[in-house]
Amino acid sequence: MDRSLICPVDLKQLPQKLADVEWPPKQKIRKMFAWLTRFGDIRVGTNRRYGIRKPRLNDMNWDECYQKGEAFWDKGIPSLPMTQYLERNPVRGRALVPGCGRGHEVALAARHGLDATGLDLAPTGIAEARSLYPHLAERFVTGNLFDLPVELHGAFDLVLEHTCMSALPPALRADYRRGIDLALRRGGLLIGVWFINPDLDPGEEGPPFPFSLEDLTELFADSYEIVADYLPDVAFPGREGRERVRVLRRSLA
């Protein structure tokens, strides 16, 4: 298939035009993602030919969401199912929270005695986390799960997942898996509150992007075993029955 197209409008201006429209926050973010996943990279030429490529983690300006107060996924407290799991299942070691945002799960992990690190692409999100939790300020790091510093490779006994993977287009899920593999030591636990079935309006694709249990199982089919899997009985309003707690252990071999 020809992976280029000729478009009658200047797509180079389209993201800004979308950003300028006064969409509600959820709609604006989803429409920006729809543009990115549909048109991808821009190649300017005499015929205005545009190539299509796989989206990248930093395609979406997550920092702008924090700057404009449009982090609609932030509920102001840690994930309720994650809180419940850690209360019932004591764990120890060094923990990574990818896509930590304002740091609520990092603070939760620290309260449970974990040596927790929060990682996020958005500098404003990290700054707000440091402001909210000044006693944990040094634990929040601006960075990319897909491009972890060498010193963080295999450095973590635990990864706490909450709304990070659901923010990614499906084309980036394999990259997410590689990021987890880079961070998590062998024998370590991936403790996930997976946003399986977000409440989307008809025709909306995300974010948050839905994925089935079968998709999740397939993504971690090799080198991980399921050690816990259940539908949580606590949730934020609107997420009841839409999340899944699944804990995976990375194999030793």
Protein backbone atom coordinates (compact mmCIF):
# COMPACT_ATOMS: atom_id res chain seq x y z
CA MET A 1 0.00 0.00 0.00
CA ASP A 2 1.21 3.50 -0.80
CA ARG A 3 2.12 4.96 2.59
CA SER A 4 1.80 8.55 1.45
CA LEU A 5 -1.13 10.70 0.45
CA ILE A 6 -1.90 14.04 -1.13
CA CYS A 7 -4.07 16.18 1.10
CA PRO A 8 -6.04 19.26 0.02
CA VAL A 9 -5.41 21.06 3.33
CA ASP A 10 -2.18 22.02 5.00
CA LEU A 11 -1.94 19.37 7.69
CA LYS A 12 1.05 21.20 9.12
CA GLN A 13 -1.43 23.69 10.56
CA LEU A 14 -4.07 21.17 11.62
CA PRO A 15 -2.79 20.28 15.10
CA GLN A 16 -2.68 23.95 16.09
CA LYS A 17 -6.16 24.50 14.65
CA LEU A 18 -7.47 21.61 16.71
CA ALA A 19 -5.69 22.91 19.79
CA ASP A 20 -7.23 26.36 19.29
CA VAL A 21 -10.81 25.07 19.20
CA GLU A 22 -12.53 25.31 22.58
CA TRP A 23 -13.17 21.59 22.93
CA PRO A 24 -13.82 20.21 26.41
CA PRO A 25 -10.47 18.79 27.66
CA LYS A 26 -11.27 15.14 26.99
CA GLN A 27 -12.52 15.85 23.47
CA LYS A 28 -9.52 18.03 22.58
CA ILE A 29 -7.00 15.39 23.68
CA ARG A 30 -8.85 12.65 21.84
CA LYS A 31 -9.16 14.70 18.65
CA MET A 32 -5.43 15.51 18.75
CA PHE A 33 -4.68 11.81 19.10
CA ALA A 34 -7.04 10.99 16.24
CA TRP A 35 -5.09 13.42 14.04
CA LEU A 36 -1.73 12.01 15.11
CA THR A 37 -2.68 8.39 14.56
CA ARG A 38 -4.36 9.13 11.23
CA PHE A 39 -1.80 11.38 9.59
CA GLY A 40 1.45 10.91 11.52
CA ASP A 41 4.58 12.64 10.29
CA ILE A 42 4.54 15.56 7.90
CA ARG A 43 6.78 15.58 4.83
CA VAL A 44 6.64 18.91 3.05
CA GLY A 45 7.23 18.81 -0.71
CA THR A 46 6.10 20.47 -3.92
CA ASN A 47 2.93 18.38 -3.91
CA ARG A 48 2.52 18.53 -0.11
CA ARG A 49 2.95 14.82 0.31
CA TYR A 50 2.48 13.49 3.81
CA GLY A 51 3.85 10.21 5.12
CA ILE A 52 2.19 8.01 7.72
CA ARG A 53 4.22 6.61 10.59
CA LYS A 54 3.67 4.96 13.94
CA PRO A 55 2.85 7.51 16.69
CA ARG A 56 5.55 8.26 19.25
CA LEU A 57 5.27 8.70 23.00
CA ASN A 58 6.07 12.42 22.86
CA ASP A 59 3.66 13.18 19.99
CA MET A 60 1.01 14.39 22.41
CA ASN A 61 1.86 17.49 24.40
CA TRP A 62 0.99 16.09 27.81
CA ASP A 63 2.72 19.03 29.47
CA GLU A 64 0.20 21.40 27.92
CA CYS A 65 -2.59 19.42 29.58
CA TYR A 66 -1.07 20.20 32.98
CA GLN A 67 -0.33 23.80 32.09
CA LYS A 68 -3.97 24.36 31.10
CA GLY A 69 -5.45 22.38 33.98
CA GLU A 70 -6.78 19.73 31.61
CA ALA A 71 -5.37 16.61 33.31
CA PHE A 72 -8.87 15.14 33.52
CA TRP A 73 -7.53 11.71 34.51
CA ASP A 74 -6.13 13.06 37.79
CA LYS A 75 -8.57 12.41 40.66
CA GLY A 76 -6.48 14.08 43.37
CA ILE A 77 -5.80 10.87 45.29
CA PRO A 78 -4.17 7.52 44.48
CA SER A 79 -5.98 4.80 42.57
CA LEU A 80 -8.48 3.15 44.91
CA PRO A 81 -7.82 -0.40 43.68
CA MET A 82 -4.05 0.19 43.95
CA THR A 83 -4.51 1.48 47.50
CA GLN A 84 -6.56 -1.56 48.41
CA TYR A 85 -4.05 -3.96 46.86
CA LEU A 86 -1.07 -2.51 48.72
CA GLU A 87 -3.00 -2.54 51.98
CA ARG A 88 -3.78 -6.23 51.55
CA ASN A 89 -0.50 -7.37 49.98
CA PRO A 90 2.64 -6.00 51.64
CA VAL A 91 5.51 -5.66 49.19
CA ARG A 92 9.04 -4.40 49.56
CA GLY A 93 11.77 -2.96 47.39
CA ARG A 94 12.26 -0.26 44.83
CA ALA A 95 9.19 0.74 42.81
CA LEU A 96 8.71 2.67 39.57
CA VAL A 97 5.49 4.53 38.77
CA PRO A 98 5.53 5.27 35.01
CA GLY A 99 3.37 8.18 33.89
CA CYS A 100 3.18 9.29 37.52
CA GLY A 101 1.68 12.72 36.78
CA ARG A 102 1.10 14.60 40.02
CA GLY A 103 2.57 11.74 41.99
CA HIS A 104 -0.32 10.31 43.99
CA GLU A 105 0.72 6.67 43.48
CA VAL A 106 4.33 7.54 44.33
CA ALA A 107 3.15 9.00 47.63
CA LEU A 108 1.01 5.89 48.19
CA ALA A 109 3.99 3.62 47.56
CA ALA A 110 6.18 5.63 49.91
CA ARG A 111 3.56 5.37 52.66
CA HIS A 112 3.80 1.61 52.29
CA GLY A 113 7.55 1.66 52.77
CA LEU A 114 8.57 1.37 49.15
CA ASP A 115 11.57 3.16 47.67
CA ALA A 116 9.43 4.77 44.98
CA THR A 117 10.38 6.73 41.86
CA GLY A 118 7.86 8.58 39.70
CA LEU A 119 8.59 9.05 36.00
CA ASP A 120 6.70 11.31 33.60
CA LEU A 121 7.24 13.03 30.26
CA ALA A 122 5.54 16.23 31.42
CA PRO A 123 7.83 18.67 33.28
CA THR A 124 4.82 20.58 34.60
CA GLY A 125 3.29 17.38 35.96
CA ILE A 126 6.57 16.58 37.72
CA ALA A 127 6.78 20.14 39.10
CA GLU A 128 3.24 19.84 40.45
CA ALA A 129 4.08 16.47 42.02
CA ARG A 130 7.07 18.02 43.79
CA SER A 131 4.86 20.86 45.01
CA LEU A 132 2.15 18.50 46.28
CA TYR A 133 4.63 16.13 47.93
CA PRO A 134 7.69 18.23 48.84
CA HIS A 135 9.04 15.54 51.17
CA LEU A 136 9.28 13.26 48.10
CA ALA A 137 10.49 15.89 45.63
CA GLU A 138 13.70 14.09 44.73
CA ARG A 139 11.72 10.97 43.82
CA PHE A 140 10.02 12.59 40.82
CA VAL A 141 11.91 12.42 37.54
CA THR A 142 11.13 13.86 34.12
CA GLY A 143 11.80 11.09 31.62
CA ASN A 144 10.62 8.62 29.02
CA LEU A 145 9.73 5.02 29.86
CA PHE A 146 10.72 4.06 26.31
CA ASP A 147 14.18 5.55 26.73
CA LEU A 148 15.19 4.84 30.31
CA PRO A 149 18.63 5.94 31.49
CA VAL A 150 21.02 3.02 31.71
CA GLU A 151 21.25 3.37 35.49
CA LEU A 152 17.52 2.53 35.75
CA HIS A 153 17.72 -0.66 33.69
CA GLY A 154 16.69 -3.56 35.89
CA ALA A 155 16.67 -1.25 38.90
CA PHE A 156 13.15 -1.91 40.14
CA ASP A 157 11.55 -4.71 42.13
CA LEU A 158 8.09 -3.39 41.32
CA VAL A 159 6.33 -1.36 38.67
CA LEU A 160 3.01 0.23 39.64
CA GLU A 161 0.78 0.74 36.60
CA HIS A 162 -2.22 3.05 36.69
CA THR A 163 -3.53 4.80 33.53
CA CYS A 164 -0.12 4.84 31.83
CA MET A 165 -0.75 2.17 29.22
CA SER A 166 -4.33 3.30 28.63
CA ALA A 167 -2.98 6.71 27.59
CA LEU A 168 -1.00 5.12 24.75
CA PRO A 169 -2.31 4.40 21.26
CA PRO A 170 -2.44 0.66 20.58
CA ALA A 171 0.56 0.94 18.23
CA LEU A 172 2.75 1.82 21.23
CA ARG A 173 1.83 -1.10 23.48
CA ALA A 174 4.79 -3.19 22.39
CA ASP A 175 7.03 -0.22 23.25
CA TYR A 176 5.36 -0.05 26.66
CA ARG A 177 6.15 -3.72 27.20
CA ARG A 178 9.81 -3.11 26.26
CA GLY A 179 9.92 -0.20 28.70
CA ILE A 180 8.63 -2.42 31.49
CA ASP A 181 11.20 -5.08 30.57
CA LEU A 182 13.96 -2.47 30.78
CA ALA A 183 12.90 -1.23 34.20
CA LEU A 184 11.80 -4.38 36.02
CA ARG A 185 14.33 -6.84 37.35
CA ARG A 186 13.75 -10.55 36.75
CA GLY A 187 11.46 -11.92 39.43
CA GLY A 188 9.94 -8.46 39.95
CA LEU A 189 6.24 -7.64 40.04
CA LEU A 190 4.19 -5.52 37.65
CA ILE A 191 1.20 -4.45 39.76
CA GLY A 192 -1.40 -3.05 37.43
CA VAL A 193 -4.77 -1.36 37.74
CA TRP A 194 -5.53 -1.70 34.05
CA PHE A 195 -8.16 0.62 32.57
CA ILE A 196 -9.68 -2.09 30.38
CA ASN A 197 -12.97 -0.50 29.39
CA PRO A 198 -13.02 3.32 29.67
CA ASP A 199 -16.31 5.12 29.22
CA LEU A 200 -16.04 6.68 25.75
CA ASP A 201 -18.65 8.47 23.72
CA PRO A 202 -19.82 6.74 20.50
CA GLY A 203 -17.11 6.99 17.86
CA GLU A 204 -14.37 7.99 20.29
CA GLU A 205 -11.19 5.91 20.32
CA GLY A 206 -9.36 7.47 23.28
CA PRO A 207 -7.36 8.32 25.23
CA PRO A 208 -7.92 6.49 27.42
CA PHE A 209 -7.65 3.69 24.87
CA PRO A 210 -9.63 0.53 25.65
CA PHE A 211 -8.01 -2.87 25.47
CA SER A 212 -9.35 -6.32 26.22
CA LEU A 213 -8.12 -8.83 28.76
CA GLU A 214 -7.05 -10.92 25.80
CA ASP A 215 -4.91 -8.03 24.56
CA LEU A 216 -3.33 -7.66 27.99
CA THR A 217 -2.68 -11.38 28.23
CA GLU A 218 -1.10 -11.47 24.80
CA LEU A 219 1.10 -8.45 25.53
CA PHE A 220 2.70 -10.21 28.50
CA ALA A 221 2.30 -13.80 27.27
CA ASP A 222 6.01 -14.56 27.32
CA SER A 223 8.29 -14.17 30.35
CA TYR A 224 5.50 -13.14 32.74
CA GLU A 225 3.13 -15.16 34.91
CA ILE A 226 -0.17 -13.97 36.36
CA VAL A 227 -0.10 -14.04 40.18
CA ALA A 228 -3.33 -12.12 40.84
CA ASP A 229 -6.25 -11.19 38.58
CA TYR A 230 -9.63 -9.82 39.65
CA LEU A 231 -12.28 -7.16 39.19
CA PRO A 232 -11.78 -4.63 42.01
CA ASP A 233 -14.70 -3.79 44.28
CA VAL A 234 -13.56 -0.18 44.73
CA ALA A 235 -13.30 2.46 42.01
CA PHE A 236 -13.56 6.14 41.27
CA PRO A 237 -17.08 7.20 40.19
CA GLY A 238 -17.55 6.26 36.55
CA ARG A 239 -14.87 3.58 36.60
CA GLU A 240 -16.90 0.91 38.37
CA GLY A 241 -16.45 -2.38 36.51
CA ARG A 242 -14.10 -0.76 33.98
CA GLU A 243 -10.76 -1.54 35.64
CA ARG A 244 -8.93 -4.79 36.25
CA VAL A 245 -6.31 -5.59 38.83
CA ARG A 246 -3.75 -7.93 37.35
CA VAL A 247 -0.38 -8.59 38.93
CA LEU A 248 2.36 -10.17 36.80
CA ARG A 249 5.68 -11.59 37.86
CA ARG A 250 8.59 -11.42 35.47
CA SER A 251 10.28 -14.79 35.00
CA LEU A 252 13.74 -15.42 36.39
CA ALA A 253 15.03 -16.88 33.13
